[in-house]
């Protein structure tokens, strides 16, 4: 017996139409009008929107002191069926072995959502660079390097970024960068703390817009010299977007994503009283409202290709009143729990307000993230042969975001009190019902790794082997 989702208003990144979807096993096997329902389970989606399960290319489980995959069912409840997680590299462990160990120790039998993995170079050395060519053998085709975090294990100098760009292209590995100028941030942070400016409201001053724009420009110049593509994660502001846009228009394969909180929140949140501003500390920081408005334009016009959550569920000590970093904003654990709320925020404040179309919503939240991760068309589309990751969406639902509904495990909710229009009435992961009307109804630990193909979206201007 298969599954038929009947009469839904199907939204893809390019089209919208009413049809039935036939699922057998884990795959979509037919799409059409008046499909024969005999012998099949039928879900009536009349009057509802149906779109592919969300692909959140940017999450952090088990890194930056974040909570692990025990909380990954939160993604499913919010309509996201696949996440892209970043795997830390312990010193002395190769990139490939880091992936193998992480999957064995943190994922197998624990992950409830499907996942694609990105490597992180945290032990910059020739052996790590050489290991880039081995990443596709473990289903990984993207590796991230941090230009920020001076003095921390995450920080990587330009030497290793350039070498990674040169070597990564040999096997189709996409190099991602966190673009902020580490030296400038280090100087400004120490200066502010010395001046007694220790409150969360000063956090943004320590990581100004220009420190991000400069690092973005530097990273793109390195990519240009290496003749390699580059993907800039969590872009926050107009100046950084313009750097990416101008480079792309000049023929450089430069791409960028933004994140939900940079579309929803501005820097005024950092100044909330009673240390509430600490809940909004994230890297890079929230920006002025003018940048927030520009970022909506950027995704709508395609200057920024996708929207991730940068989900990082941490315990900030709010529930028990033991706040971390109370006298030093640099010690506040950065994090923006949001994998559960991403699609709701994008629909409510993007689609419902007319900032983006329904097709653009699917494009930036489902389809393009899958392409960037090298997992399209298996994920990110409603198409014959794709995994049956399907959301039946009740656009008439009205509610509000609340910590009481959050499954992230954090002691605060980034979007507390925000209006929510629409709900994932039913969420299917590979043909199985896993969430229904804000409740998880699936089985824990059923998530699988999605094998990422090399030479993904960011290589569109390249021929394999170039």
Protein backbone atom coordinates (compact mmCIF):
# COMPACT_ATOMS: atom_id res chain seq x y z
CA UNK A 1 0.00 0.00 0.00
CA UNK A 2 1.25 3.44 -0.91
CA UNK A 3 0.33 6.95 0.15
CA UNK A 4 -1.59 9.51 -1.90
CA UNK A 5 -1.61 13.16 -0.92
CA UNK A 6 -4.68 14.34 -2.79
CA UNK A 7 -5.75 17.67 -4.26
CA UNK A 8 -3.03 19.74 -2.65
CA UNK A 9 -1.90 23.08 -4.03
CA UNK A 10 1.69 22.03 -4.79
CA UNK A 11 4.36 24.72 -4.59
CA UNK A 12 7.81 24.25 -6.10
CA UNK A 13 10.56 26.78 -6.69
CA UNK A 14 9.17 27.34 -10.20
CA UNK A 15 5.50 26.36 -10.29
CA UNK A 16 2.23 26.10 -8.41
CA UNK A 17 -0.53 23.67 -9.37
CA UNK A 18 -3.17 21.37 -7.92
CA UNK A 19 -2.42 17.66 -8.18
CA UNK A 20 -2.11 14.35 -6.34
CA UNK A 21 1.20 12.87 -5.19
CA UNK A 22 1.70 9.11 -5.05
CA UNK A 23 4.33 7.82 -2.64
CA UNK A 24 5.58 4.25 -2.49
CA UNK A 25 8.27 3.32 -0.04
CA UNK A 26 10.47 6.37 0.47
CA UNK A 27 10.02 7.95 -2.96
CA UNK A 28 7.55 10.02 -4.95
CA UNK A 29 6.61 7.82 -7.89
CA UNK A 30 3.83 9.79 -9.59
CA UNK A 31 2.29 13.27 -9.69
CA UNK A 32 -0.97 13.90 -11.53
CA UNK A 33 -4.68 14.57 -11.47
CA UNK A 34 -7.17 12.02 -10.19
CA UNK A 35 -4.62 9.32 -9.39
CA UNK A 36 -6.20 5.95 -8.55
CA UNK A 37 -6.55 5.77 -4.76
CA UNK A 38 -7.45 2.09 -4.58
CA UNK A 39 -5.32 0.28 -2.02
CA UNK A 40 -3.55 3.44 -0.86
CA UNK A 41 -3.68 5.53 2.27
CA UNK A 42 -5.17 8.89 1.33
CA UNK A 43 -4.37 12.29 2.86
CA UNK A 44 -6.82 14.94 1.68
CA UNK A 45 -4.89 18.18 1.15
CA UNK A 46 -7.73 20.10 -0.47
CA UNK A 47 -7.32 23.80 0.17
CA UNK A 48 -3.85 23.31 1.67
CA UNK A 49 -0.41 24.10 0.31
CA UNK A 50 1.99 21.22 -0.30
CA UNK A 51 5.72 21.85 -0.63
CA UNK A 52 8.98 19.93 -0.22
CA UNK A 53 10.38 19.35 3.23
CA UNK A 54 12.64 22.20 4.22
CA UNK A 55 16.40 21.88 3.80
CA UNK A 56 18.29 23.88 6.43
CA UNK A 57 21.86 23.90 5.14
CA UNK A 58 23.29 25.55 8.27
CA UNK A 59 22.82 24.08 11.75
CA UNK A 60 25.09 23.32 14.68
CA UNK A 61 24.56 20.19 16.75
CA UNK A 62 27.36 19.26 19.16
CA UNK A 63 29.48 22.31 18.24
CA UNK A 64 29.83 25.67 20.01
CA UNK A 65 28.58 23.88 23.15
CA UNK A 66 25.23 23.36 21.46
CA UNK A 67 22.72 20.65 22.23
CA UNK A 68 22.94 17.49 20.17
CA UNK A 69 20.81 15.38 17.89
CA UNK A 70 18.58 14.30 20.76
CA UNK A 71 16.72 17.53 19.95
CA UNK A 72 16.72 17.16 16.17
CA UNK A 73 13.02 16.29 16.01
CA UNK A 74 12.43 20.02 16.48
CA UNK A 75 13.36 20.47 12.82
CA UNK A 76 10.67 18.04 11.67
CA UNK A 77 7.95 19.71 13.70
CA UNK A 78 8.79 22.95 11.91
CA UNK A 79 8.63 21.36 8.46
CA UNK A 80 12.37 20.91 7.91
CA UNK A 81 13.24 17.34 6.96
CA UNK A 82 16.97 17.68 6.19
CA UNK A 83 19.66 19.67 7.98
CA UNK A 84 23.26 20.48 7.07
CA UNK A 85 25.44 20.07 10.14
CA UNK A 86 29.05 21.16 10.68
CA UNK A 87 31.48 18.58 12.03
CA UNK A 88 34.34 19.78 14.24
CA UNK A 89 37.84 18.46 13.56
CA UNK A 90 39.80 17.57 16.71
CA UNK A 91 43.50 18.36 16.57
CA UNK A 92 45.42 15.37 15.24
CA UNK A 93 42.37 13.80 13.57
CA UNK A 94 41.97 13.95 9.80
CA UNK A 95 38.97 15.56 8.16
CA UNK A 96 37.70 12.26 6.79
CA UNK A 97 38.14 10.48 10.12
CA UNK A 98 36.38 13.35 11.90
CA UNK A 99 33.31 12.66 9.78
CA UNK A 100 33.47 8.91 10.39
CA UNK A 101 33.87 9.36 14.15
CA UNK A 102 31.13 11.98 14.42
CA UNK A 103 28.64 9.86 12.55
CA UNK A 104 29.41 6.85 14.74
CA UNK A 105 29.44 8.72 18.07
CA UNK A 106 26.76 11.39 17.63
CA UNK A 107 24.44 10.44 14.79
CA UNK A 108 23.83 6.74 14.30
CA UNK A 109 20.61 5.87 16.09
CA UNK A 110 20.35 9.38 17.56
CA UNK A 111 19.47 11.73 14.67
CA UNK A 112 15.75 11.90 13.98
CA UNK A 113 16.00 14.28 11.02
CA UNK A 114 17.87 13.42 7.82
CA UNK A 115 21.22 15.16 7.61
CA UNK A 116 24.02 16.14 5.24
CA UNK A 117 27.43 16.88 6.71
CA UNK A 118 29.95 19.69 6.21
CA UNK A 119 33.52 19.41 7.45
CA UNK A 120 35.34 22.12 9.42
CA UNK A 121 39.10 22.62 9.24
CA UNK A 122 40.20 23.18 12.84
CA UNK A 123 43.64 21.58 12.60
CA UNK A 124 45.19 23.64 9.79
CA UNK A 125 48.11 21.67 8.38
CA UNK A 126 49.17 20.09 5.12
CA UNK A 127 47.57 16.79 6.10
CA UNK A 128 44.17 18.49 6.52
CA UNK A 129 44.45 20.19 3.15
CA UNK A 130 45.44 16.93 1.47
CA UNK A 131 42.47 15.22 3.14
CA UNK A 132 40.02 17.47 1.28
CA UNK A 133 40.16 15.15 -1.73
CA UNK A 134 38.92 12.28 0.47
CA UNK A 135 35.76 14.00 1.67
CA UNK A 136 33.44 12.81 -1.13
CA UNK A 137 34.29 9.23 -0.18
CA UNK A 138 32.39 9.74 3.09
CA UNK A 139 29.52 11.60 1.44
CA UNK A 140 30.76 15.11 2.20
CA UNK A 141 31.35 17.77 -0.46
CA UNK A 142 31.69 20.99 1.55
CA UNK A 143 34.16 22.20 4.17
CA UNK A 144 34.01 25.35 6.25
CA UNK A 145 36.82 27.57 7.52
CA UNK A 146 36.49 30.33 10.10
CA UNK A 147 38.14 33.70 9.55
CA UNK A 148 36.85 34.82 12.97
CA UNK A 149 37.56 33.61 16.55
CA UNK A 150 41.19 34.62 17.01
CA UNK A 151 42.81 32.56 19.74
CA UNK A 152 40.20 29.80 19.50
CA UNK A 153 40.48 26.41 17.78
CA UNK A 154 38.08 27.52 15.05
CA UNK A 155 40.33 30.30 13.72
CA UNK A 156 42.19 29.65 10.45
CA UNK A 157 44.61 32.05 8.77
CA UNK A 158 44.42 33.16 5.13
CA UNK A 159 47.22 30.77 4.21
CA UNK A 160 45.06 27.75 4.90
CA UNK A 161 41.94 29.24 3.36
CA UNK A 162 43.79 29.84 0.11
CA UNK A 163 45.29 26.35 0.16
CA UNK A 164 41.87 24.85 0.86
CA UNK A 165 40.39 26.72 -2.09
CA UNK A 166 43.17 25.49 -4.38
CA UNK A 167 42.90 21.87 -3.27
CA UNK A 168 39.15 21.64 -2.75
CA UNK A 169 38.40 22.24 -6.40
CA UNK A 170 40.40 19.14 -7.36
CA UNK A 171 37.63 16.93 -6.02
CA UNK A 172 34.62 19.26 -6.23
CA UNK A 173 34.57 20.22 -2.56
CA UNK A 174 32.86 23.54 -1.90
CA UNK A 175 34.78 25.80 0.48
CA UNK A 176 32.58 27.76 2.87
CA UNK A 177 33.82 30.64 5.01
CA UNK A 178 32.67 32.45 8.12
CA UNK A 179 33.80 35.92 7.04
CA UNK A 180 34.71 38.32 9.86
CA UNK A 181 38.06 40.01 10.49
CA UNK A 182 39.40 38.24 13.58
CA UNK A 183 42.10 40.79 14.39
CA UNK A 184 39.74 43.76 14.31
CA UNK A 185 37.23 41.94 16.50
CA UNK A 186 39.95 41.01 18.99
CA UNK A 187 41.16 44.60 19.29
CA UNK A 188 37.68 46.11 19.60
CA UNK A 189 36.50 43.53 22.12
CA UNK A 190 39.46 44.13 24.43
CA UNK A 191 39.04 47.88 24.06
CA UNK A 192 35.33 47.83 24.92
CA UNK A 193 35.81 45.56 27.93
CA UNK A 194 38.66 47.77 29.22
CA UNK A 195 36.33 50.78 28.95
CA UNK A 196 33.73 49.00 31.10
CA UNK A 197 31.37 48.50 28.19
CA UNK A 198 30.52 44.94 29.10
CA UNK A 199 26.78 44.73 28.45
CA UNK A 200 25.26 42.81 25.53
CA UNK A 201 24.37 46.05 23.76
CA UNK A 202 28.08 46.56 23.03
CA UNK A 203 28.48 43.18 21.38
CA UNK A 204 27.62 44.55 17.94
CA UNK A 205 30.23 47.31 18.35
CA UNK A 206 32.90 44.65 18.72
CA UNK A 207 32.02 43.06 15.35
CA UNK A 208 31.09 45.97 13.05
CA UNK A 209 29.63 45.70 9.56
CA UNK A 210 32.94 46.67 7.96
CA UNK A 211 34.78 43.81 9.68
CA UNK A 212 32.41 41.43 7.91
CA UNK A 213 32.49 43.23 4.58
CA UNK A 214 36.30 43.35 4.61
CA UNK A 215 36.63 39.64 5.36
CA UNK A 216 34.03 38.80 2.71
CA UNK A 217 36.00 40.79 0.15
CA UNK A 218 39.28 39.16 1.19
CA UNK A 219 37.81 35.67 0.97
CA UNK A 220 36.42 36.34 -2.49
CA UNK A 221 39.74 37.70 -3.72
CA UNK A 222 41.39 34.51 -2.49
CA UNK A 223 38.80 32.45 -4.36
CA UNK A 224 39.41 34.50 -7.48
CA UNK A 225 43.16 33.90 -7.26
CA UNK A 226 42.59 30.20 -6.62
CA UNK A 227 40.11 30.04 -9.51
CA UNK A 228 37.70 28.28 -7.18
CA UNK A 229 34.11 28.81 -6.06
CA UNK A 230 33.35 30.12 -2.58
CA UNK A 231 30.28 30.16 -0.37
CA UNK A 232 29.98 32.81 2.35
CA UNK A 233 27.77 31.70 5.24
CA UNK A 234 25.40 33.86 7.34
CA UNK A 235 25.75 37.17 5.49
CA UNK A 236 24.15 39.94 7.54
CA UNK A 237 24.36 43.30 5.81
CA UNK A 238 24.20 45.36 2.65
CA UNK A 239 27.93 46.03 2.29
CA UNK A 240 28.83 42.33 2.45
CA UNK A 241 26.05 41.45 0.00
CA UNK A 242 27.29 44.07 -2.44
CA UNK A 243 30.77 42.53 -2.33
CA UNK A 244 29.31 39.12 -3.25
CA UNK A 245 26.96 40.54 -5.87
CA UNK A 246 29.66 42.57 -7.63
CA UNK A 247 32.09 39.63 -7.65
CA UNK A 248 29.43 37.31 -9.09
CA UNK A 249 28.55 39.84 -11.78
CA UNK A 250 32.24 39.96 -12.71
CA UNK A 251 32.25 36.19 -13.25
CA UNK A 252 33.51 34.99 -9.87
CA UNK A 253 31.68 31.96 -8.43
CA UNK A 254 30.86 33.75 -5.20
CA UNK A 255 27.67 32.87 -3.35
CA UNK A 256 26.17 33.63 0.04
CA UNK A 257 23.41 32.68 2.41
CA UNK A 258 21.68 34.63 5.11
CA UNK A 259 19.83 33.38 8.18
CA UNK A 260 16.38 33.79 9.61
CA UNK A 261 17.44 36.06 12.47
CA UNK A 262 19.10 38.53 10.10
CA UNK A 263 15.74 38.87 8.37
CA UNK A 264 13.68 39.06 11.56
CA UNK A 265 15.72 40.83 14.26
CA UNK A 266 17.72 44.03 14.45
CA UNK A 267 20.51 45.20 16.74
CA UNK A 268 18.13 46.93 19.14
CA UNK A 269 17.42 43.51 20.63
CA UNK A 270 20.92 43.46 22.12
CA UNK A 271 19.97 46.44 24.30
CA UNK A 272 16.97 44.75 25.91
CA UNK A 273 16.96 45.37 29.69
CA UNK A 274 17.64 42.89 32.51
CA UNK A 275 20.24 41.04 30.45
CA UNK A 276 17.57 39.92 27.99
CA UNK A 277 19.86 41.17 25.23
CA UNK A 278 22.11 38.19 25.87
CA UNK A 279 19.52 35.98 24.18
CA UNK A 280 20.30 37.74 20.91
CA UNK A 281 24.06 37.33 20.88
CA UNK A 282 25.10 35.49 17.72
CA UNK A 283 28.02 35.64 15.31
CA UNK A 284 28.02 37.76 13.22
CA UNK A 285 25.81 40.06 15.30
CA UNK A 286 22.38 41.41 14.50
CA UNK A 287 22.46 44.54 12.36
CA UNK A 288 20.46 47.81 12.08
CA UNK A 289 16.97 47.66 10.60
CA UNK A 290 18.20 49.14 7.32
CA UNK A 291 20.32 46.03 6.80
CA UNK A 292 17.42 43.78 7.80
CA UNK A 293 15.27 45.38 5.12
CA UNK A 294 18.05 45.07 2.55
CA UNK A 295 18.52 41.37 3.25
CA UNK A 296 14.90 40.72 2.24
CA UNK A 297 15.61 42.51 -1.04
CA UNK A 298 18.80 40.49 -1.44
CA UNK A 299 17.08 37.12 -1.24
CA UNK A 300 14.18 38.26 -3.37
CA UNK A 301 16.50 39.41 -6.16
CA UNK A 302 18.82 36.41 -5.91
CA UNK A 303 21.88 38.26 -4.64
CA UNK A 304 21.76 35.87 -1.68
CA UNK A 305 20.87 32.32 -2.62
CA UNK A 306 19.43 30.69 0.48
CA UNK A 307 18.22 31.07 4.06
CA UNK A 308 19.50 28.83 6.85
CA UNK A 309 18.76 29.01 10.55
CA UNK A 310 22.33 28.78 11.91
CA UNK A 311 20.53 26.86 14.64
CA UNK A 312 22.68 26.65 17.74
CA UNK A 313 20.63 25.69 20.77
CA UNK A 314 22.57 26.58 23.89
CA UNK A 315 21.74 26.89 27.56
CA UNK A 316 22.23 30.54 28.43
CA UNK A 317 21.40 30.11 32.09
CA UNK A 318 18.16 32.06 31.77
CA UNK A 319 15.84 29.48 33.29
CA UNK A 320 17.78 29.19 36.54
CA UNK A 321 18.92 32.82 36.67
CA UNK A 322 22.61 31.94 36.27
CA UNK A 323 23.43 34.09 33.29
CA UNK A 324 26.73 33.51 31.55
CA UNK A 325 28.77 36.57 30.57
CA UNK A 326 26.92 38.86 32.95
CA UNK A 327 30.00 41.11 33.28
CA UNK A 328 31.60 40.43 29.90
CA UNK A 329 29.62 40.22 26.65
CA UNK A 330 32.45 38.23 25.04
CA UNK A 331 31.70 35.32 27.38
CA UNK A 332 28.01 35.08 26.48
CA UNK A 333 27.50 31.77 24.61
CA UNK A 334 26.47 32.76 21.07
CA UNK A 335 23.51 30.95 19.67
CA UNK A 336 20.25 31.43 17.86
CA UNK A 337 17.93 28.45 18.27
CA UNK A 338 15.72 28.53 15.19
CA UNK A 339 15.54 25.31 13.18
CA UNK A 340 11.95 24.78 14.34
CA UNK A 341 10.81 28.32 13.53
CA UNK A 342 12.67 29.02 10.26
CA UNK A 343 9.91 28.12 7.81
CA UNK A 344 7.24 29.78 9.93
CA UNK A 345 9.14 33.05 10.10
CA UNK A 346 9.86 33.00 6.38
CA UNK A 347 6.24 32.31 5.53
CA UNK A 348 4.67 34.71 8.03
CA UNK A 349 7.01 37.64 7.50
CA UNK A 350 8.04 36.89 3.93
CA UNK A 351 5.19 35.33 1.98
CA UNK A 352 2.28 36.75 3.98
CA UNK A 353 3.69 40.28 3.84
CA UNK A 354 4.43 40.12 0.12
CA UNK A 355 8.20 40.41 0.55
CA UNK A 356 8.73 37.12 -1.29
CA UNK A 357 6.55 34.85 -3.40
CA UNK A 358 5.59 31.32 -2.49
CA UNK A 359 7.99 30.08 -5.17
CA UNK A 360 10.84 32.13 -3.73
CA UNK A 361 10.02 30.70 -0.28
CA UNK A 362 10.51 27.17 -1.60
CA UNK A 363 13.58 28.21 -3.58
CA UNK A 364 15.51 29.72 -0.65
CA UNK A 365 14.29 27.37 2.09
CA UNK A 366 14.19 24.02 0.28
CA UNK A 367 15.48 23.74 -3.28
CA UNK A 368 18.61 25.89 -3.45
CA UNK A 369 19.91 24.71 -0.06
CA UNK A 370 19.62 21.15 -1.38
CA UNK A 371 21.56 22.14 -4.50
CA UNK A 372 24.28 23.87 -2.46
CA UNK A 373 24.64 20.75 -0.31
CA UNK A 374 24.87 18.46 -3.33
CA UNK A 375 21.71 16.52 -2.45
CA UNK A 376 19.33 17.76 -5.13
CA UNK A 377 17.01 16.39 -6.56
CA UNK A 378 16.90 13.71 -3.87
CA UNK A 379 15.95 16.48 -1.47
CA UNK A 380 14.38 19.90 -1.89
CA UNK A 381 11.76 19.25 -4.57
CA UNK A 382 8.37 17.71 -5.25
CA UNK A 383 9.32 15.57 -8.24
CA UNK A 384 9.08 11.98 -9.39
CA UNK A 385 12.09 10.12 -8.01
CA UNK A 386 12.72 12.54 -5.14
CA UNK A 387 12.53 11.44 -1.52
CA UNK A 388 8.99 11.75 -0.22
CA UNK A 389 9.83 14.63 2.13
CA UNK A 390 6.56 16.51 1.98
CA UNK A 391 4.85 19.21 4.04
CA UNK A 392 1.08 19.66 4.00
CA UNK A 393 0.72 23.26 5.14
CA UNK A 394 -2.40 24.81 6.64
CA UNK A 395 -2.03 28.45 5.73
CA UNK A 396 -5.10 29.45 7.74
CA UNK A 397 -3.60 28.61 11.13
CA UNK A 398 -3.00 31.57 13.44
CA UNK A 399 -0.85 31.43 16.55
CA UNK A 400 2.29 32.73 18.21
CA UNK A 401 5.79 31.37 18.74
CA UNK A 402 6.44 30.30 22.32
CA UNK A 403 9.12 28.51 24.32
CA UNK A 404 6.42 26.15 25.57
CA UNK A 405 6.13 24.71 22.06
CA UNK A 406 9.87 24.56 21.41
CA UNK A 407 11.60 21.20 21.16
CA UNK A 408 15.10 22.67 20.77
CA UNK A 409 16.03 22.03 24.41
CA UNK A 410 17.27 25.58 24.90
CA UNK A 411 16.10 27.69 27.83
CA UNK A 412 14.94 30.52 25.58
CA UNK A 413 13.22 31.03 22.24
CA UNK A 414 14.69 33.44 19.70
CA UNK A 415 11.29 34.40 18.28
CA UNK A 416 9.26 34.40 21.49
CA UNK A 417 5.89 36.08 20.96
CA UNK A 418 6.21 36.49 17.20
CA UNK A 419 3.06 35.92 15.19
CA UNK A 420 2.82 32.63 13.30
CA UNK A 421 0.64 32.33 10.24
CA UNK A 422 0.36 28.79 8.96
CA UNK A 423 1.45 25.47 10.40
CA UNK A 424 2.94 22.23 9.13
CA UNK A 425 -0.23 20.18 9.45
CA UNK A 426 1.52 17.02 8.32
CA UNK A 427 5.22 16.40 7.72
CA UNK A 428 6.44 13.31 5.91
CA UNK A 429 10.07 12.17 5.98
CA UNK A 430 10.77 9.63 3.26
CA UNK A 431 7.08 8.82 3.15
CA UNK A 432 6.57 8.41 6.90
CA UNK A 433 4.41 10.78 8.93
CA UNK A 434 6.74 12.32 11.52
CA UNK A 435 4.99 15.49 12.67
CA UNK A 436 1.44 16.71 12.88
CA UNK A 437 0.14 20.14 13.88
CA UNK A 438 3.17 21.06 15.97
CA UNK A 439 3.62 17.63 17.55
CA UNK A 440 6.25 15.01 16.85
CA UNK A 441 4.60 11.69 15.98
CA UNK A 442 7.49 9.78 14.43
CA UNK A 443 10.18 7.52 15.83
CA UNK A 444 13.36 8.88 17.37
CA UNK A 445 16.71 8.00 15.82
CA UNK A 446 15.40 7.28 12.32
CA UNK A 447 17.40 10.01 10.55
CA UNK A 448 19.81 9.03 7.78
CA UNK A 449 22.84 10.65 6.21
CA UNK A 450 22.16 12.05 2.76
CA UNK A 451 25.21 11.51 0.58
CA UNK A 452 26.44 14.79 -0.82
CA UNK A 453 27.60 14.82 -4.43
CA UNK A 454 30.75 16.80 -5.30
CA UNK A 455 30.74 19.64 -7.83
CA UNK A 456 27.50 20.96 -6.38
CA UNK A 457 25.67 24.25 -7.01
CA UNK A 458 28.64 26.55 -6.45
CA UNK A 459 30.47 24.77 -9.29
CA UNK A 460 27.81 25.70 -11.86
CA UNK A 461 30.31 27.87 -13.75
CA UNK A 462 32.94 25.11 -13.71
CA UNK A 463 33.40 21.92 -15.61
CA UNK A 464 34.22 18.87 -13.53
CA UNK A 465 37.96 18.59 -13.04
CA UNK A 466 38.74 22.23 -13.79
